[in-house]
Amino acid sequence: MTDTQAPVDLLVLGGGMAGLTAAASAASQGAQVILVEQGEQVGGSAIYAGFAWTAPSPDVMAEVNPHGDPDLADVLLGGFDRGVQWIRSLGVDCRPAVTVLRYGRGHQFDTTHYLSACEQRIKEHGGDVLTRARAESLLMDEGTVHGARCRLPDGSLRPIAAKWTMLATGGFQGDPVLRAQLIHPQARDLQLRANPHSDGDGLRLGLSAGAAVGKPGAGFYGHLVPAGVPLSDPSTFVDLALYYSEHALLFNLEGDRFVDETIGDHITTMALLAQPGARGSWWPTGRCTGSGSPAPTSRASRGSTSSPWPAAAVRGARWPRAWRTSICSPPTGATRGRRSVPRSRLSTAILVAAARAARTTGG
């Protein structure tokens, strides 16, 4: 597609799961589409994913996400099955539904194939995919967005006019300042468990157009990881994540329990962030395996589940000897709820919370 002053039907800023899906769907229906992605290639943080999943019903969604937006929940749950059908319509392998993280239902699918299939669909229908390009500002006229000015790899600035403009640039987890301002002061030092290009562009562009944002304290999506282990290699993101909060007791550094561990791993991660040093001790009470958690696509295809212990061990993580067995017992006398226990009973493994996808909207 060559440069033209005529507006395209849809300009999508951000080439992750949401942006690619929207662009490919619109192109399939005859829309003229341009997608702009800051990274070297499309995919964003979706390249580290392997499941499409959500809660199985509105009641479960309300239980696990009590402060979320019910209207958005209805859209998500009502459109989930159509989303699975769309994935399969592109010829992508999408497995039957399974239980995910105790309460969810989801489908494992080949995300790499899906992302490339979306990109191919856009191009097959005459669309354009610009990588290593970044939207610097929105084109505005009397309060209405008409596209964006995008910086191209050669340094030139290209205005792209569009009838509709979609902000799909991910969250702001790649910006330590925004993390500290919008999540928690201690979030500044969180390890990044996501692609580095989600650094708040969508938030800044939206605010520049007068957009509303979600309520304060909406939280983020993250996981517990062993302390002392750098998340420098994205291929280890899943191997090192501790998805098993519901099978463990979580203590802060003062020896106190501070959360109901059964409410979900992403919730316990947010709770740990507010504790001293954003660190804690994790004592498994059940089987210390990856059963029920999303495993890497390459491993799941062999029918195996992922355990973080071998991967963490070779990178210097610390945990007590008991953790090397398949069954681990809780401290004597420990019960659900906030309770102080003798320090000698606590595990010496220190955990940190790692941000995956910080956002300012619901839940």
Protein backbone atom coordinates (compact mmCIF):
# COMPACT_ATOMS: atom_id res chain seq x y z
CA MET A 1 0.00 0.00 0.00
CA THR A 2 1.40 3.42 -0.91
CA ASP A 3 1.04 6.63 1.06
CA THR A 4 -2.22 8.40 0.36
CA GLN A 5 -4.05 11.40 1.75
CA ALA A 6 -7.32 9.49 1.70
CA PRO A 7 -8.09 8.08 5.14
CA VAL A 8 -7.94 4.35 5.68
CA ASP A 9 -10.91 2.70 7.38
CA LEU A 10 -8.98 1.58 10.46
CA LEU A 11 -5.61 2.53 11.91
CA VAL A 12 -4.49 0.14 14.64
CA LEU A 13 -1.68 1.29 16.94
CA GLY A 14 -0.11 -1.79 18.49
CA GLY A 15 0.47 -5.22 16.98
CA GLY A 16 -0.16 -7.56 19.92
CA MET A 17 -3.03 -9.97 20.38
CA ALA A 18 -5.75 -7.31 20.50
CA GLY A 19 -4.42 -5.15 17.68
CA LEU A 20 -3.72 -8.01 15.30
CA THR A 21 -7.09 -9.61 15.98
CA ALA A 22 -8.98 -6.37 15.36
CA ALA A 23 -7.01 -5.54 12.23
CA ALA A 24 -7.33 -9.03 10.76
CA SER A 25 -11.05 -9.18 11.52
CA ALA A 26 -11.69 -5.77 9.95
CA ALA A 27 -9.59 -6.62 6.88
CA SER A 28 -11.54 -9.87 6.47
CA GLN A 29 -14.72 -7.80 6.23
CA GLY A 30 -13.34 -5.52 3.53
CA ALA A 31 -11.90 -2.66 5.58
CA GLN A 32 -8.74 -0.87 4.49
CA VAL A 33 -6.37 -1.32 7.43
CA ILE A 34 -2.95 -0.10 8.56
CA LEU A 35 -1.34 -1.57 11.69
CA VAL A 36 1.61 0.16 13.39
CA GLU A 37 3.89 -1.81 15.75
CA GLN A 38 6.84 -0.41 17.70
CA GLY A 39 8.73 -3.70 17.99
CA GLU A 40 10.89 -5.50 15.47
CA GLN A 41 8.00 -7.86 14.77
CA VAL A 42 4.33 -8.15 15.62
CA GLY A 43 3.13 -10.14 18.61
CA GLY A 44 3.80 -8.02 21.69
CA SER A 45 3.44 -9.94 24.95
CA ALA A 46 1.17 -12.45 23.21
CA ILE A 47 4.24 -14.29 21.95
CA TYR A 48 4.74 -15.46 25.55
CA ALA A 49 1.16 -16.73 25.93
CA GLY A 50 -0.36 -20.10 25.17
CA PHE A 51 -3.99 -20.00 26.28
CA ALA A 52 -7.18 -18.10 25.62
CA TRP A 53 -9.15 -18.30 28.85
CA THR A 54 -11.61 -16.59 31.14
CA ALA A 55 -14.08 -17.37 33.91
CA PRO A 56 -16.77 -19.93 32.97
CA SER A 57 -19.76 -17.87 34.14
CA PRO A 58 -20.78 -14.40 35.37
CA ASP A 59 -21.04 -15.70 38.94
CA VAL A 60 -17.49 -16.99 38.93
CA MET A 61 -16.24 -13.81 37.29
CA ALA A 62 -17.89 -11.73 40.01
CA GLU A 63 -16.35 -13.93 42.70
CA VAL A 64 -12.77 -13.76 41.42
CA ASN A 65 -13.00 -10.17 40.14
CA PRO A 66 -15.45 -8.45 42.51
CA HIS A 67 -14.35 -4.91 41.62
CA GLY A 68 -14.38 -5.38 37.85
CA ASP A 69 -16.69 -3.67 35.39
CA PRO A 70 -19.76 -5.93 34.99
CA ASP A 71 -20.50 -4.57 31.50
CA LEU A 72 -17.00 -5.45 30.30
CA ALA A 73 -17.33 -8.86 31.95
CA ASP A 74 -20.54 -9.49 30.01
CA VAL A 75 -18.83 -8.59 26.74
CA LEU A 76 -15.89 -10.88 27.52
CA LEU A 77 -17.96 -13.86 28.56
CA GLY A 78 -20.56 -13.37 25.83
CA GLY A 79 -17.95 -13.17 23.09
CA PHE A 80 -15.52 -15.81 24.31
CA ASP A 81 -16.89 -18.72 22.29
CA ARG A 82 -16.97 -16.58 19.13
CA GLY A 83 -13.35 -15.70 19.79
CA VAL A 84 -12.40 -19.38 19.94
CA GLN A 85 -14.27 -19.95 16.67
CA TRP A 86 -12.34 -17.06 15.08
CA ILE A 87 -9.00 -18.60 16.13
CA ARG A 88 -9.97 -21.91 14.55
CA SER A 89 -11.26 -20.19 11.40
CA LEU A 90 -7.68 -19.12 10.64
CA GLY A 91 -6.55 -22.74 10.61
CA VAL A 92 -4.84 -22.47 14.00
CA ASP A 93 -4.75 -25.51 16.27
CA CYS A 94 -6.97 -24.72 19.27
CA ARG A 95 -7.41 -27.51 21.80
CA PRO A 96 -10.60 -28.48 23.71
CA ALA A 97 -11.48 -26.50 26.83
CA VAL A 98 -9.66 -27.32 30.07
CA THR A 99 -9.60 -25.89 33.60
CA VAL A 100 -7.10 -23.06 34.00
CA LEU A 101 -5.81 -21.77 37.37
CA ARG A 102 -8.48 -23.63 39.35
CA TYR A 103 -11.49 -21.50 38.40
CA GLY A 104 -11.11 -20.63 34.71
CA ARG A 105 -11.83 -22.39 31.44
CA GLY A 106 -9.60 -22.01 28.45
CA HIS A 107 -8.14 -23.38 25.25
CA GLN A 108 -4.49 -23.93 24.54
CA PHE A 109 -3.61 -22.74 21.05
CA ASP A 110 -0.56 -22.10 18.89
CA THR A 111 -0.08 -18.39 19.50
CA THR A 112 2.85 -18.09 17.11
CA HIS A 113 0.76 -19.52 14.29
CA TYR A 114 -2.18 -17.31 15.26
CA LEU A 115 -0.16 -14.09 15.23
CA SER A 116 1.39 -14.87 11.85
CA ALA A 117 -2.02 -15.88 10.47
CA CYS A 118 -3.49 -12.52 11.51
CA GLU A 119 -0.61 -10.64 9.90
CA GLN A 120 -1.01 -12.66 6.72
CA ARG A 121 -4.77 -12.03 6.66
CA ILE A 122 -4.21 -8.26 6.90
CA LYS A 123 -1.75 -8.27 4.00
CA GLU A 124 -3.84 -10.63 1.86
CA HIS A 125 -6.69 -8.13 2.00
CA GLY A 126 -4.53 -5.17 0.96
CA GLY A 127 -3.62 -3.91 4.41
CA ASP A 128 -0.25 -2.69 5.61
CA VAL A 129 1.80 -3.73 8.68
CA LEU A 130 4.47 -1.23 9.76
CA THR A 131 7.01 -2.52 12.28
CA ARG A 132 9.68 -0.50 14.12
CA ALA A 133 7.25 2.43 13.85
CA ARG A 134 5.78 4.46 16.70
CA ALA A 135 2.78 6.75 16.99
CA GLU A 136 4.01 10.06 18.38
CA SER A 137 0.73 11.96 18.42
CA LEU A 138 -2.87 11.73 17.31
CA LEU A 139 -4.35 13.69 14.43
CA MET A 140 -7.10 15.78 16.01
CA ASP A 141 -9.77 18.08 14.64
CA GLU A 142 -12.27 19.75 16.96
CA GLY A 143 -11.88 17.03 19.56
CA THR A 144 -12.21 14.13 17.11
CA VAL A 145 -9.38 11.70 16.36
CA HIS A 146 -8.63 11.29 12.65
CA GLY A 147 -5.48 9.14 12.73
CA ALA A 148 -1.93 9.50 14.02
CA ARG A 149 1.52 10.83 13.21
CA CYS A 150 3.91 7.90 13.14
CA ARG A 151 7.70 7.88 13.28
CA LEU A 152 9.03 5.38 10.74
CA PRO A 153 12.29 3.37 10.98
CA ASP A 154 14.13 5.82 8.71
CA GLY A 155 13.26 8.69 11.06
CA SER A 156 10.64 10.27 8.85
CA LEU A 157 7.27 11.32 10.26
CA ARG A 158 4.24 9.94 8.42
CA PRO A 159 0.74 11.25 9.10
CA ILE A 160 -1.80 8.44 8.64
CA ALA A 161 -5.39 9.61 8.32
CA ALA A 162 -8.07 7.15 9.40
CA LYS A 163 -11.82 7.03 9.85
CA TRP A 164 -11.29 5.01 13.03
CA THR A 165 -8.19 4.77 15.23
CA MET A 166 -7.68 1.95 17.72
CA LEU A 167 -5.23 2.21 20.62
CA ALA A 168 -3.93 -1.31 21.23
CA THR A 169 -0.41 -0.55 22.43
CA GLY A 170 -0.55 -2.67 25.56
CA GLY A 171 -0.09 -1.43 29.08
CA PHE A 172 2.56 0.69 30.76
CA GLN A 173 4.54 -2.06 32.48
CA GLY A 174 7.69 -1.08 30.60
CA ASP A 175 7.79 2.37 32.26
CA PRO A 176 9.03 2.31 35.90
CA VAL A 177 7.76 5.84 36.56
CA LEU A 178 4.22 5.03 35.45
CA ARG A 179 4.30 1.79 37.46
CA ALA A 180 5.20 3.73 40.59
CA GLN A 181 2.57 6.38 39.94
CA LEU A 182 -0.34 4.20 38.92
CA ILE A 183 0.19 0.86 40.69
CA HIS A 184 2.27 1.25 43.85
CA PRO A 185 5.52 3.03 44.79
CA GLN A 186 7.24 -0.35 45.11
CA ALA A 187 6.13 -1.28 41.59
CA ARG A 188 8.97 0.85 40.24
CA ASP A 189 11.37 -2.00 40.97
CA LEU A 190 9.26 -4.89 39.68
CA GLN A 191 10.95 -7.18 37.20
CA LEU A 192 9.39 -6.93 33.77
CA ARG A 193 7.65 -10.13 32.68
CA ALA A 194 6.39 -8.86 29.33
CA ASN A 195 7.58 -7.26 26.13
CA PRO A 196 9.56 -4.04 26.76
CA HIS A 197 7.63 -1.94 24.24
CA SER A 198 4.48 -1.58 26.35
CA ASP A 199 5.67 1.63 27.96
CA GLY A 200 2.51 3.69 28.19
CA ASP A 201 2.12 5.08 24.68
CA GLY A 202 -1.54 4.15 24.51
CA LEU A 203 -2.23 5.78 27.86
CA ARG A 204 -0.46 9.00 26.88
CA LEU A 205 -2.15 9.17 23.47
CA GLY A 206 -5.55 8.51 24.98
CA LEU A 207 -5.11 11.17 27.64
CA SER A 208 -4.00 13.66 24.99
CA ALA A 209 -7.38 13.16 23.31
CA GLY A 210 -9.28 13.62 26.55
CA ALA A 211 -10.05 9.95 27.11
CA ALA A 212 -11.28 8.70 30.47
CA VAL A 213 -9.23 6.12 32.36
CA GLY A 214 -10.15 3.40 34.79
CA LYS A 215 -10.50 3.82 38.51
CA PRO A 216 -7.36 4.10 40.66
CA GLY A 217 -6.05 0.90 42.20
CA ALA A 218 -7.40 -1.33 39.45
CA GLY A 219 -4.30 -3.49 39.79
CA PHE A 220 -2.19 -5.40 37.31
CA TYR A 221 -1.68 -8.94 36.07
CA GLY A 222 1.48 -10.57 37.33
CA HIS A 223 2.94 -13.67 38.94
CA LEU A 224 5.19 -14.61 41.84
CA VAL A 225 8.74 -15.52 40.87
CA PRO A 226 11.79 -16.68 42.87
CA ALA A 227 13.99 -13.89 44.19
CA GLY A 228 17.51 -13.55 42.91
CA VAL A 229 16.61 -14.84 39.45
CA PRO A 230 16.69 -12.22 36.66
CA LEU A 231 13.90 -12.35 34.09
CA SER A 232 16.24 -11.42 31.28
CA ASP A 233 15.33 -14.34 29.03
CA PRO A 234 11.68 -14.32 27.90
CA SER A 235 11.83 -18.07 27.25
CA THR A 236 11.96 -18.61 31.03
CA PHE A 237 8.90 -16.48 31.88
CA VAL A 238 6.55 -19.46 32.21
CA ASP A 239 9.14 -21.86 33.66
CA LEU A 240 9.94 -19.51 36.55
CA ALA A 241 6.41 -18.34 37.38
CA LEU A 242 4.92 -19.79 40.57
CA TYR A 243 1.30 -20.31 39.55
CA TYR A 244 0.35 -22.31 42.62
CA SER A 245 -0.72 -19.84 45.32
CA GLU A 246 -3.83 -21.87 46.11
CA HIS A 247 -1.58 -24.74 47.20
CA ALA A 248 0.63 -22.66 49.49
CA LEU A 249 0.79 -20.35 52.48
CA LEU A 250 2.19 -16.89 51.77
CA PHE A 251 3.89 -14.84 54.50
CA ASN A 252 5.43 -11.39 54.47
CA LEU A 253 8.91 -10.77 55.83
CA GLU A 254 7.47 -10.13 59.28
CA GLY A 255 6.07 -13.65 59.42
CA ASP A 256 2.41 -12.70 58.94
CA ARG A 257 -0.10 -14.08 56.47
CA PHE A 258 -1.80 -11.21 54.67
CA VAL A 259 -4.08 -12.73 52.01
CA ASP A 260 -6.38 -15.66 51.33
CA GLU A 261 -4.09 -17.64 49.03
CA THR A 262 -6.99 -19.44 47.34
CA ILE A 263 -8.35 -16.34 45.58
CA GLY A 264 -5.96 -16.58 42.66
CA ASP A 265 -2.28 -16.24 41.85
CA HIS A 266 -2.61 -12.83 40.19
CA ILE A 267 -4.46 -11.49 43.26
CA THR A 268 -1.84 -12.75 45.71
CA THR A 269 0.82 -11.12 43.54
CA MET A 270 -0.89 -7.74 43.89
CA ALA A 271 -1.26 -8.30 47.63
CA LEU A 272 2.45 -9.10 48.02
CA LEU A 273 3.40 -5.89 46.24
CA ALA A 274 1.95 -3.87 49.14
CA GLN A 275 3.94 -5.80 51.76
CA PRO A 276 7.34 -4.67 53.10
CA GLY A 277 9.89 -4.91 50.33
CA ALA A 278 7.31 -6.54 48.03
CA ARG A 279 8.80 -9.84 49.16
CA GLY A 280 7.60 -12.81 51.11
CA SER A 281 8.01 -16.47 52.02
CA TRP A 282 6.05 -19.15 50.22
CA TRP A 283 5.33 -22.50 51.86
CA PRO A 284 3.64 -25.09 49.64
CA THR A 285 0.94 -27.20 51.26
CA GLY A 286 0.15 -29.54 48.35
CA ARG A 287 1.79 -30.99 45.31
CA CYS A 288 4.54 -28.69 44.07
CA THR A 289 3.93 -29.16 40.35
CA GLY A 290 2.58 -27.13 37.49
CA SER A 291 -0.68 -29.06 37.19
CA GLY A 292 -3.54 -26.83 36.11
CA SER A 293 -1.36 -23.90 35.07
CA PRO A 294 -0.66 -22.69 31.53
CA ALA A 295 2.51 -24.44 30.40
CA PRO A 296 4.80 -23.38 27.55
CA THR A 297 3.37 -24.38 24.19
CA SER A 298 6.46 -26.45 23.37
CA ARG A 299 6.18 -28.48 26.56
CA ALA A 300 2.43 -28.79 26.62
CA SER A 301 2.53 -30.24 23.13
CA ARG A 302 4.48 -33.15 24.62
CA GLY A 303 1.82 -33.64 27.27
CA SER A 304 3.98 -32.41 30.15
CA THR A 305 3.52 -29.69 32.76
CA SER A 306 6.07 -27.12 33.80
CA SER A 307 7.77 -26.97 37.18
CA PRO A 308 9.74 -23.82 38.11
CA TRP A 309 12.14 -25.57 40.48
CA PRO A 310 14.81 -26.88 38.03
CA ALA A 311 14.77 -23.65 36.05
CA ALA A 312 15.03 -21.54 39.21
CA ALA A 313 17.75 -23.72 40.75
CA VAL A 314 20.22 -23.25 37.93
CA ARG A 315 19.71 -19.49 38.19
CA GLY A 316 20.46 -19.23 41.90
CA ALA A 317 17.02 -19.25 43.52
CA ARG A 318 16.80 -20.13 47.20
CA TRP A 319 14.32 -22.47 48.90
CA PRO A 320 14.37 -25.00 51.75
CA ARG A 321 15.27 -28.62 51.18
CA ALA A 322 11.68 -29.73 51.77
CA TRP A 323 10.66 -27.99 48.57
CA ARG A 324 12.59 -30.55 46.58
CA THR A 325 10.07 -33.24 47.47
CA SER A 326 6.75 -33.69 45.72
CA ILE A 327 4.68 -33.26 48.90
CA CYS A 328 5.30 -30.35 51.28
CA SER A 329 3.66 -29.78 54.66
CA PRO A 330 2.59 -26.37 56.07
CA PRO A 331 4.01 -24.92 59.28
CA THR A 332 2.59 -26.53 62.41
CA GLY A 333 -0.60 -24.82 63.57
CA ALA A 334 -0.97 -22.59 60.50
CA THR A 335 -4.55 -21.91 59.48
CA ARG A 336 -6.29 -19.86 56.82
CA GLY A 337 -6.36 -16.15 57.52
CA ARG A 338 -3.84 -13.67 58.83
CA ARG A 339 -1.75 -15.35 61.49
CA SER A 340 1.71 -14.87 62.93
CA VAL A 341 3.86 -17.99 63.08
CA PRO A 342 7.32 -18.59 64.59
CA ARG A 343 10.02 -17.38 62.21
CA SER A 344 11.84 -20.68 62.58
CA ARG A 345 8.87 -22.32 60.90
CA LEU A 346 9.00 -20.14 57.82
CA SER A 347 10.55 -21.09 54.54
CA THR A 348 13.71 -19.21 53.60
CA ALA A 349 12.69 -18.86 49.97
CA ILE A 350 12.13 -15.22 49.11
CA LEU A 351 9.74 -14.28 46.35
CA VAL A 352 9.14 -11.14 44.40
CA ALA A 353 6.16 -10.01 42.39
CA ALA A 354 6.79 -9.64 38.66
CA ALA A 355 4.53 -7.43 36.55
CA ARG A 356 3.18 -8.87 33.33
CA ALA A 357 0.58 -6.50 32.11
CA ALA A 358 -0.13 -3.41 34.15
CA ARG A 359 -3.28 -1.56 33.24
CA THR A 360 -5.55 1.12 34.59
CA THR A 361 -8.82 -0.61 33.77
CA GLY A 362 -11.01 -3.10 35.63
CA GLY A 363 -9.89 -5.81 37.97
